[in-house]
Amino acid sequence: MSGEQINLCHEHQQEFVALENGEKEMEKIRLCLKCLANGYKRKVILIKEQIKNVQNLKSKLSQERQEQVKENLQQVAGLIEHIQKLKEFYISQIKSIDELGEIWKQKIQIMGDSFIEQVNKQEESDQEQFLYFVNQLQNTQIQELFEQKIKIEKEIFSLKEPEDLLKCDTILKAIQYDTKKIDVETKEEAQEIIKLNIFCEEHQNKRVKLFYLGTENRIQKRLACLQCFDNHPSKDYQTVDKVHSKWNKIIQKRQENMKRNLQTIQKNVEQINEDMQSMQESIKQSFDKNRQNLTQNYNQYISEVEQCSSKMNVKWQQLQKEEILNIVEELSNTQQQQISNDPLLQKYVTQEELVNEIKKNQLLYLQQCQLTEIRKLNNPLFQNLIIDEMATQFQKILPNQNGIFKTRGSSTQIQMEVQTKVKINSQNFIYNLMKESSVKEEQSCRAMAFNQDCSVVFVGCNEQIQVYEFRQERLKKIQTLSVHESSVVTVNFIKRSNQFISGSEGDGQIIIWSLNDNKEWFISQKLNKHSTGIRCLIVNDSEDIIVSCGLDDKLVFWIKKNQWISKQTIKKQGVYGLSINQQQNKLISCVQEDQIAILEFSISEKIWVTKQQIPLQQKGIRVCFIDDNQFTIQTYQNDILDFYEMKNKDEFTKTKGIKVLKGQQDECPFFPLQYIKSQSLLVSKNCQYINILNNKQNGEFILQQSIEFQSSKLYGCMSDDAQYLITWDDVSKEIQIRKYQEL
């Protein structure tokens, strides 16, 4: 049959313009204009519509494929780049290892020859002296070869799973090569009458056109023809088209649910893979660091033992008079049972403590990784189930240790409570919520402070200041101060004079409050220098300097005479955070221009001058000195807490960043960054999280605990003795107090 005949109507042998679905699957009956003009009643598919649909499909497929190709090419380009880096890394490392191996090989040969040569040259007639010389020579060579071995081990270990290899794996998973299935339903298909090739069992020449959907099925058949309906009429009979339409909707919903569940699992799998990879890298880095510390400490200890042993093996004939006197003195003064003790016993104890400390830190770090992953789970019940299971495992391993692992409340409590979810990152201590201390407060509370002995709490609630007595860990309101005309945003307690300072957001007033003989707080002084609202305020350690900044872009320095007076005003735009160092000669501020401004007090000029400006990639909102030579800053919606140190006498530079939790909500100002020197604790509010970091003896900060709230509109402070953490958030609408508790 020719190509022209294929495009002709079967009945009239004219060019066809429409198609009809035949009885068989994929069968199409061609129809010409004459067929349609003769009043063809069946549903047909117009060729022009089909051509249009095909063109649309072509366009859509081409566009999707182009986008996919572009994305895959970018991924492959990135893959090639990392492969090239891997190639260069491995070539460089293997070359380095090869060179070290050659050096080691040469050293072994040279040392072997040198050993034989020096032994043969030795003309010592005394056997003991000769053996002492041999041992000394041997120990020296062993130490050199051992150090070379450590170098090679370190280089070989670096070949295991480098960062670029892990990135290659991530890219490979991201490359897609499948084409989305496109289903297009034409208007004709949507309106098409379904004609089933199924015939009635009772009336065999009749096609099935009805389905019985009733729950009763005594007489009626599920598949029926029109005659069946005439014999047994029922409202539960529905046409094939109607049932088909209904079933299609169900299928669509099923597919949507199935697709949604698939996407959820896919997202979870990708997230878990990403988390495991991140954890693997983090643990690997921790292991590498600890292994290096162990090796260095051990090598140092070996060297000290060998040096001490060498000194003890020296022949008496070679000892000086002072050395002999020391031996005699030791024999006469040392108790008999102690004289044989290890002379490096203290070194041994120190080394053992170092080993145990490294082991402990590694185990705690692994636990921290576990709890960090638990925190990422969105299901509180599942979180609690895992923690309970971990507690059970701890109890099995250490049945005699009480409180080795504690969970906060039952699963039901975690599900029902809305206020907070506390996740413990360390076994040292946590801050536990004292529910009985909570007080409901509907007004927004954006500033809080404890007095010196934590017996009184001051809370700024909108334009009021609520004064609470805090006795036996219960809050009791004792006074309400209503003087400010707008929201109170700063409250600071002055210990030496038993006063407190408040600042408001709208009127720009700073008020000094004192206590009268009736134990009531009254206004002792108003500081009026700002034309608009206060943004932040600090008091130095000596409590004779106040620094305030306002929405009027003024930075005002106040000093204490008989009264507080303004000493200096500096123009600084958009200051969000302030901190003054312990020597009280440096002030840091994070300003709106995305920079840190460092001011220094000029002794000669008796004024504060800008000493250094550090640009930031993100706006800084909280800043705090750790000591005179180190400060930390929290930038806007950043999960890294940056640390700056003064490496020379002139400038601060960024030295490290510590990962903290930040959440997804917008950040709100206030809740200053706080360092409690007495407890070496850093309190950092970041979005809806409060991160508590512990400053270890080696100067490293460890994320001790993260407390998650349901809102970033979260305000509070920690008491100066670090015993209590007070907060208010706009979801719980409670003033809550958490207490320091060792584990």
Foldseek 3Di string as FASTA:
>chain_A
DDPQQVQAQPPPRHGFFKWDDDQDPPDIHGHHVVCVVVPDPAQIGGPVLVVVVVVVVVVVQVVVVVVLVVVLVVLVVLLVVLVVVLVVLVVVLVVVLVVLVVVLVVLVVVLVVVLVVVLVPDPDPDPLVSVLVSVVSVVVSVLVSVVSVVVSVLSVVCNPDHPSNVVSVVSVVVRDDDGDDDDDADPSNLVHDDFDPDADPVPRVFGFFKAQPDPDDDQDDRTDGVVSCVVPPDPRIDTPSVVVVVVVVVVVVVVVVVVVVVVVVVVVVSVVVVLVVVVVVVLVVLVSVLVVVLVVLVSVVVVVVVVVVSVVSDDPVPDDPVVVVVVVVCVVPPDPVCSPDDPCVVSVVVSVVSNVVSVQVSVLQVQLSVLVVLVPDPQLLVSQVVLVVVVVVVCVVPVPDPPQGDDDDDSVCSVPDAFWDWTFSGQFWDWAWDVQAKDFAQFQWQEKAAAQVNQWIWTFGWQKIWIWGQDPNHTDTDDIGRDGPGTWHYWAADHVQRWIWIFHQFQGKIFIWDADPVRDIDTPDIDDDDRGGWQDKDAAPVRQWIWTQHQVQKIWIWGDDVHIDTDDIDRAAAWQEWEAANVRFWIWTFHPQQKIWIWGQDPVVRHIDTQDIGHHPAGWRAKYAPHPFKIWTDGFQDQWIWMWGDPDPRDIDTDDIDGHDADDDGADGGQHWDAQNVQQWTWDQHWQKTWIWHQDPVRDIDGGIIMGGPGNSKHWYAHNVRQWTWMAHNPSSMTIIIGMDTD
